[in-house]
Amino acid sequence: MPFVRRDGRGAVVAVEARKSERCPHYMAADDPELAAFLEELGLGSGARDPQNLLTQSDLEMSRVLEDLVDLLIRKGVLDAAELPATAREKLTRRRELRGHLKWLAEIVGEDKVI
């Protein structure tokens, strides 16, 4: 059961699972206003969907693995020539794309570019 706090204009500004002094007003779990508030926070139904969470995790892990491979190559632990050709091509392509985006980050700010 969600309980909310509202600001002076009546907009939802906080939500808690239990009634408290901070959040004294009950709101139905399927209330569209609550759904909109949670979406603004990035906590909407799409954000909690297991498939979306797994997809996001895959994207994050691909970057971790890319950085790990680069580190192992730089340290001489892994010889890039030993990687399958398709893996080398994909890593090269990602490095090129990141290089193109680096100059863009300097113009628009790093928080706008991966």
N, C-alpha and C. Protein backbone atom coordinates (compact mmCIF):
# COMPACT_ATOMS: atom_id res chain seq x y z
N MET A 1 0.85 -1.18 0.00
CA MET A 1 0.00 0.00 0.00
C MET A 1 0.88 1.23 0.00
N PRO A 2 0.87 2.01 -1.04
CA PRO A 2 1.69 3.22 -1.06
C PRO A 2 1.02 4.39 -0.33
N PHE A 3 1.87 5.12 0.34
CA PHE A 3 1.46 6.36 0.99
C PHE A 3 2.34 7.46 0.43
N VAL A 4 1.76 8.64 0.22
CA VAL A 4 2.49 9.70 -0.45
C VAL A 4 2.49 10.99 0.36
N ARG A 5 3.42 11.85 -0.01
CA ARG A 5 3.46 13.22 0.50
C ARG A 5 3.22 14.12 -0.70
N ARG A 6 2.47 15.15 -0.51
CA ARG A 6 2.17 16.10 -1.58
C ARG A 6 2.76 17.46 -1.24
N ASP A 7 3.12 18.20 -2.29
CA ASP A 7 3.61 19.55 -2.07
C ASP A 7 2.44 20.53 -1.97
N GLY A 8 2.73 21.80 -1.90
CA GLY A 8 1.69 22.83 -1.76
C GLY A 8 0.73 22.89 -2.93
N ARG A 9 1.16 22.40 -4.10
CA ARG A 9 0.28 22.38 -5.29
C ARG A 9 -0.49 21.07 -5.40
N GLY A 10 -0.24 20.16 -4.47
CA GLY A 10 -0.95 18.88 -4.50
C GLY A 10 -0.24 17.79 -5.28
N ALA A 11 0.95 18.07 -5.81
CA ALA A 11 1.69 17.08 -6.58
C ALA A 11 2.41 16.10 -5.65
N VAL A 12 2.48 14.84 -6.06
CA VAL A 12 3.20 13.82 -5.29
C VAL A 12 4.69 14.14 -5.33
N VAL A 13 5.32 14.17 -4.14
CA VAL A 13 6.75 14.45 -4.06
C VAL A 13 7.54 13.36 -3.34
N ALA A 14 6.83 12.41 -2.72
CA ALA A 14 7.51 11.30 -2.03
C ALA A 14 6.52 10.15 -1.89
N VAL A 15 7.05 8.96 -1.80
CA VAL A 15 6.21 7.77 -1.62
C VAL A 15 6.92 6.79 -0.70
N GLU A 16 6.15 6.15 0.16
CA GLU A 16 6.67 5.13 1.06
C GLU A 16 5.68 3.97 1.12
N ALA A 17 6.15 2.83 1.55
CA ALA A 17 5.30 1.65 1.62
C ALA A 17 4.35 1.69 2.81
N ARG A 18 4.73 2.43 3.86
CA ARG A 18 3.89 2.50 5.06
C ARG A 18 3.53 3.95 5.37
N LYS A 19 2.42 4.11 6.02
CA LYS A 19 1.98 5.43 6.45
C LYS A 19 2.95 5.97 7.49
N SER A 20 3.31 7.24 7.34
CA SER A 20 4.21 7.88 8.29
C SER A 20 3.88 9.37 8.32
N GLU A 21 4.54 10.08 9.22
CA GLU A 21 4.35 11.53 9.26
C GLU A 21 4.81 12.15 7.94
N ARG A 22 5.85 11.59 7.39
CA ARG A 22 6.41 12.10 6.12
C ARG A 22 5.46 11.84 4.96
N CYS A 23 4.83 10.68 4.92
CA CYS A 23 3.92 10.29 3.83
C CYS A 23 2.60 9.79 4.42
N PRO A 24 1.69 10.70 4.76
CA PRO A 24 0.47 10.30 5.45
C PRO A 24 -0.71 9.95 4.55
N HIS A 25 -0.62 10.23 3.25
CA HIS A 25 -1.79 10.10 2.37
C HIS A 25 -1.73 8.79 1.58
N TYR A 26 -2.80 7.96 1.74
CA TYR A 26 -2.88 6.72 0.99
C TYR A 26 -3.15 7.02 -0.49
N MET A 27 -2.56 6.22 -1.37
CA MET A 27 -2.83 6.32 -2.80
C MET A 27 -2.91 4.91 -3.36
N ALA A 28 -3.87 4.64 -4.19
CA ALA A 28 -4.00 3.33 -4.80
C ALA A 28 -2.76 3.01 -5.64
N ALA A 29 -2.32 1.77 -5.55
CA ALA A 29 -1.11 1.36 -6.26
C ALA A 29 -1.22 1.53 -7.77
N ASP A 30 -2.45 1.48 -8.30
CA ASP A 30 -2.63 1.62 -9.74
C ASP A 30 -3.02 3.04 -10.16
N ASP A 31 -2.87 3.99 -9.25
CA ASP A 31 -3.22 5.38 -9.56
C ASP A 31 -2.26 5.92 -10.63
N PRO A 32 -2.78 6.51 -11.70
CA PRO A 32 -1.92 7.04 -12.77
C PRO A 32 -0.95 8.13 -12.28
N GLU A 33 -1.36 8.89 -11.29
CA GLU A 33 -0.48 9.93 -10.75
C GLU A 33 0.74 9.31 -10.08
N LEU A 34 0.54 8.20 -9.37
CA LEU A 34 1.65 7.49 -8.75
C LEU A 34 2.57 6.90 -9.82
N ALA A 35 1.97 6.31 -10.85
CA ALA A 35 2.76 5.74 -11.95
C ALA A 35 3.61 6.82 -12.61
N ALA A 36 3.04 8.00 -12.83
CA ALA A 36 3.79 9.10 -13.45
C ALA A 36 4.94 9.54 -12.57
N PHE A 37 4.70 9.64 -11.27
CA PHE A 37 5.75 10.03 -10.33
C PHE A 37 6.90 9.03 -10.36
N LEU A 38 6.57 7.74 -10.32
CA LEU A 38 7.60 6.70 -10.35
C LEU A 38 8.36 6.69 -11.67
N GLU A 39 7.68 6.94 -12.78
CA GLU A 39 8.34 7.02 -14.08
C GLU A 39 9.36 8.15 -14.10
N GLU A 40 8.99 9.30 -13.51
CA GLU A 40 9.92 10.44 -13.46
C GLU A 40 11.19 10.08 -12.71
N LEU A 41 11.06 9.22 -11.71
CA LEU A 41 12.22 8.79 -10.92
C LEU A 41 12.98 7.65 -11.58
N GLY A 42 12.45 7.14 -12.70
CA GLY A 42 13.08 5.99 -13.34
C GLY A 42 12.73 4.69 -12.65
N LEU A 43 11.63 4.70 -11.91
CA LEU A 43 11.22 3.51 -11.16
C LEU A 43 9.89 2.97 -11.64
N GLY A 44 9.47 3.37 -12.82
CA GLY A 44 8.19 2.93 -13.35
C GLY A 44 8.18 1.46 -13.68
N SER A 45 7.05 0.97 -14.12
CA SER A 45 6.89 -0.45 -14.39
C SER A 45 7.90 -0.96 -15.41
N GLY A 46 8.25 -0.15 -16.41
CA GLY A 46 9.25 -0.57 -17.38
C GLY A 46 10.61 -0.76 -16.78
N ALA A 47 10.95 0.09 -15.80
CA ALA A 47 12.26 -0.01 -15.15
C ALA A 47 12.37 -1.28 -14.31
N ARG A 48 11.25 -1.79 -13.80
CA ARG A 48 11.27 -2.97 -12.95
C ARG A 48 11.06 -4.25 -13.73
N ASP A 49 10.77 -4.15 -15.00
CA ASP A 49 10.54 -5.32 -15.82
C ASP A 49 11.83 -6.15 -15.89
N PRO A 50 11.76 -7.42 -15.52
CA PRO A 50 12.98 -8.24 -15.51
C PRO A 50 13.72 -8.25 -16.85
N GLN A 51 13.00 -8.25 -17.97
CA GLN A 51 13.67 -8.26 -19.27
C GLN A 51 14.43 -6.95 -19.49
N ASN A 52 13.84 -5.82 -19.10
CA ASN A 52 14.52 -4.53 -19.23
C ASN A 52 15.75 -4.48 -18.33
N LEU A 53 15.62 -5.00 -17.11
CA LEU A 53 16.76 -5.02 -16.19
C LEU A 53 17.89 -5.88 -16.75
N LEU A 54 17.54 -7.03 -17.32
CA LEU A 54 18.55 -7.91 -17.89
C LEU A 54 19.22 -7.26 -19.10
N THR A 55 18.45 -6.61 -19.94
CA THR A 55 19.01 -5.93 -21.11
C THR A 55 19.97 -4.83 -20.67
N GLN A 56 19.58 -4.04 -19.68
CA GLN A 56 20.45 -2.98 -19.19
C GLN A 56 21.73 -3.58 -18.60
N SER A 57 21.59 -4.67 -17.87
CA SER A 57 22.76 -5.34 -17.30
C SER A 57 23.68 -5.85 -18.41
N ASP A 58 23.11 -6.38 -19.48
CA ASP A 58 23.91 -6.85 -20.62
C ASP A 58 24.73 -5.71 -21.21
N LEU A 59 24.10 -4.55 -21.37
CA LEU A 59 24.81 -3.40 -21.92
C LEU A 59 25.96 -2.97 -21.02
N GLU A 60 25.70 -2.97 -19.72
CA GLU A 60 26.75 -2.59 -18.78
C GLU A 60 27.88 -3.60 -18.77
N MET A 61 27.53 -4.89 -18.83
CA MET A 61 28.56 -5.92 -18.82
C MET A 61 29.39 -5.91 -20.10
N SER A 62 28.78 -5.58 -21.23
CA SER A 62 29.56 -5.54 -22.47
C SER A 62 30.64 -4.47 -22.37
N ARG A 63 30.34 -3.35 -21.72
CA ARG A 63 31.36 -2.31 -21.55
C ARG A 63 32.45 -2.78 -20.59
N VAL A 64 32.07 -3.49 -19.53
CA VAL A 64 33.05 -4.03 -18.60
C VAL A 64 33.98 -4.99 -19.31
N LEU A 65 33.41 -5.89 -20.11
CA LEU A 65 34.24 -6.87 -20.83
C LEU A 65 35.14 -6.20 -21.86
N GLU A 66 34.62 -5.19 -22.53
CA GLU A 66 35.43 -4.44 -23.49
C GLU A 66 36.63 -3.81 -22.79
N ASP A 67 36.39 -3.18 -21.65
CA ASP A 67 37.48 -2.56 -20.89
C ASP A 67 38.47 -3.60 -20.37
N LEU A 68 37.96 -4.77 -19.96
CA LEU A 68 38.81 -5.84 -19.47
C LEU A 68 39.72 -6.36 -20.58
N VAL A 69 39.17 -6.59 -21.75
CA VAL A 69 39.98 -7.06 -22.88
C VAL A 69 41.06 -6.04 -23.21
N ASP A 70 40.70 -4.76 -23.25
CA ASP A 70 41.69 -3.72 -23.53
C ASP A 70 42.81 -3.72 -22.48
N LEU A 71 42.44 -3.86 -21.22
CA LEU A 71 43.43 -3.90 -20.14
C LEU A 71 44.37 -5.09 -20.29
N LEU A 72 43.81 -6.26 -20.57
CA LEU A 72 44.63 -7.46 -20.73
C LEU A 72 45.58 -7.33 -21.92
N ILE A 73 45.14 -6.70 -22.98
CA ILE A 73 46.00 -6.49 -24.15
C ILE A 73 47.11 -5.51 -23.79
N ARG A 74 46.76 -4.40 -23.13
CA ARG A 74 47.77 -3.40 -22.75
C ARG A 74 48.83 -4.00 -21.82
N LYS A 75 48.44 -4.88 -20.93
CA LYS A 75 49.37 -5.49 -19.98
C LYS A 75 50.13 -6.67 -20.59
N GLY A 76 49.80 -7.03 -21.81
CA GLY A 76 50.50 -8.12 -22.46
C GLY A 76 50.04 -9.50 -22.03
N VAL A 77 48.95 -9.59 -21.30
CA VAL A 77 48.42 -10.87 -20.86
C VAL A 77 47.71 -11.57 -22.01
N LEU A 78 47.13 -10.78 -22.89
CA LEU A 78 46.36 -11.30 -24.01
C LEU A 78 46.91 -10.68 -25.30
N ASP A 79 47.12 -11.52 -26.28
CA ASP A 79 47.57 -11.05 -27.59
C ASP A 79 46.33 -10.87 -28.47
N ALA A 80 46.08 -9.65 -28.90
CA ALA A 80 44.89 -9.37 -29.70
C ALA A 80 44.82 -10.24 -30.94
N ALA A 81 45.97 -10.61 -31.48
CA ALA A 81 46.00 -11.44 -32.68
C ALA A 81 45.42 -12.84 -32.43
N GLU A 82 45.38 -13.26 -31.16
CA GLU A 82 44.83 -14.58 -30.83
C GLU A 82 43.31 -14.58 -30.77
N LEU A 83 42.71 -13.41 -30.75
CA LEU A 83 41.25 -13.34 -30.72
C LEU A 83 40.69 -13.72 -32.09
N PRO A 84 39.50 -14.27 -32.12
CA PRO A 84 38.87 -14.54 -33.42
C PRO A 84 38.71 -13.23 -34.20
N ALA A 85 38.76 -13.33 -35.50
CA ALA A 85 38.69 -12.15 -36.36
C ALA A 85 37.44 -11.32 -36.09
N THR A 86 36.31 -11.98 -35.89
CA THR A 86 35.08 -11.22 -35.64
C THR A 86 35.16 -10.44 -34.33
N ALA A 87 35.79 -11.02 -33.32
CA ALA A 87 35.96 -10.33 -32.04
C ALA A 87 36.87 -9.11 -32.21
N ARG A 88 37.97 -9.28 -32.94
CA ARG A 88 38.87 -8.15 -33.19
C ARG A 88 38.16 -7.03 -33.94
N GLU A 89 37.36 -7.41 -34.94
CA GLU A 89 36.63 -6.41 -35.73
C GLU A 89 35.64 -5.64 -34.86
N LYS A 90 34.94 -6.34 -33.99
CA LYS A 90 33.96 -5.68 -33.12
C LYS A 90 34.64 -4.75 -32.14
N LEU A 91 35.76 -5.20 -31.56
CA LEU A 91 36.48 -4.34 -30.63
C LEU A 91 37.03 -3.11 -31.34
N THR A 92 37.57 -3.31 -32.54
CA THR A 92 38.09 -2.18 -33.31
C THR A 92 36.98 -1.19 -33.64
N ARG A 93 35.85 -1.69 -34.04
CA ARG A 93 34.71 -0.82 -34.38
C ARG A 93 34.24 -0.02 -33.17
N ARG A 94 34.18 -0.65 -32.00
CA ARG A 94 33.76 0.07 -30.79
C ARG A 94 34.78 1.14 -30.42
N ARG A 95 36.07 0.83 -30.56
CA ARG A 95 37.10 1.85 -30.27
C ARG A 95 36.94 3.05 -31.21
N GLU A 96 36.68 2.76 -32.49
CA GLU A 96 36.47 3.85 -33.46
C GLU A 96 35.25 4.69 -33.07
N LEU A 97 34.16 4.04 -32.73
CA LEU A 97 32.95 4.77 -32.34
C LEU A 97 33.19 5.61 -31.10
N ARG A 98 33.88 5.05 -30.12
CA ARG A 98 34.18 5.83 -28.91
C ARG A 98 35.09 7.00 -29.23
N GLY A 99 36.03 6.81 -30.15
CA GLY A 99 36.90 7.90 -30.56
C GLY A 99 36.12 9.04 -31.21
N HIS A 100 35.14 8.68 -32.03
CA HIS A 100 34.29 9.70 -32.66
C HIS A 100 33.45 10.43 -31.62
N LEU A 101 33.02 9.70 -30.61
CA LEU A 101 32.18 10.31 -29.58
C LEU A 101 32.99 11.16 -28.59
N LYS A 102 34.30 10.87 -28.47
CA LYS A 102 35.13 11.61 -27.52
C LYS A 102 35.14 13.10 -27.84
N TRP A 103 35.31 13.44 -29.10
CA TRP A 103 35.34 14.86 -29.45
C TRP A 103 33.98 15.49 -29.22
N LEU A 104 32.91 14.72 -29.42
CA LEU A 104 31.57 15.23 -29.17
C LEU A 104 31.37 15.53 -27.69
N ALA A 105 31.91 14.67 -26.83
CA ALA A 105 31.79 14.87 -25.38
C ALA A 105 32.45 16.19 -24.96
N GLU A 106 33.53 16.55 -25.62
CA GLU A 106 34.20 17.81 -25.29
C GLU A 106 33.34 19.02 -25.65
N ILE A 107 32.49 18.84 -26.65
CA ILE A 107 31.62 19.95 -27.09
C ILE A 107 30.36 20.03 -26.24
N VAL A 108 29.66 18.91 -26.06
CA VAL A 108 28.36 18.93 -25.40
C VAL A 108 28.42 18.54 -23.94
N GLY A 109 29.54 18.03 -23.46
CA GLY A 109 29.66 17.60 -22.07
C GLY A 109 29.64 16.09 -21.97
N GLU A 110 30.47 15.56 -21.09
CA GLU A 110 30.61 14.10 -20.98
C GLU A 110 29.36 13.41 -20.51
N ASP A 111 28.49 14.11 -19.77
CA ASP A 111 27.28 13.45 -19.27
C ASP A 111 26.28 13.18 -20.38
N LYS A 112 26.49 13.73 -21.58
CA LYS A 112 25.57 13.52 -22.70
C LYS A 112 26.01 12.37 -23.61
N VAL A 113 27.22 11.86 -23.40
CA VAL A 113 27.78 10.83 -24.28
C VAL A 113 28.26 9.67 -23.43
N ILE A 114 28.06 8.46 -23.93
CA ILE A 114 28.53 7.26 -23.21
C ILE A 114 30.04 7.18 -23.34
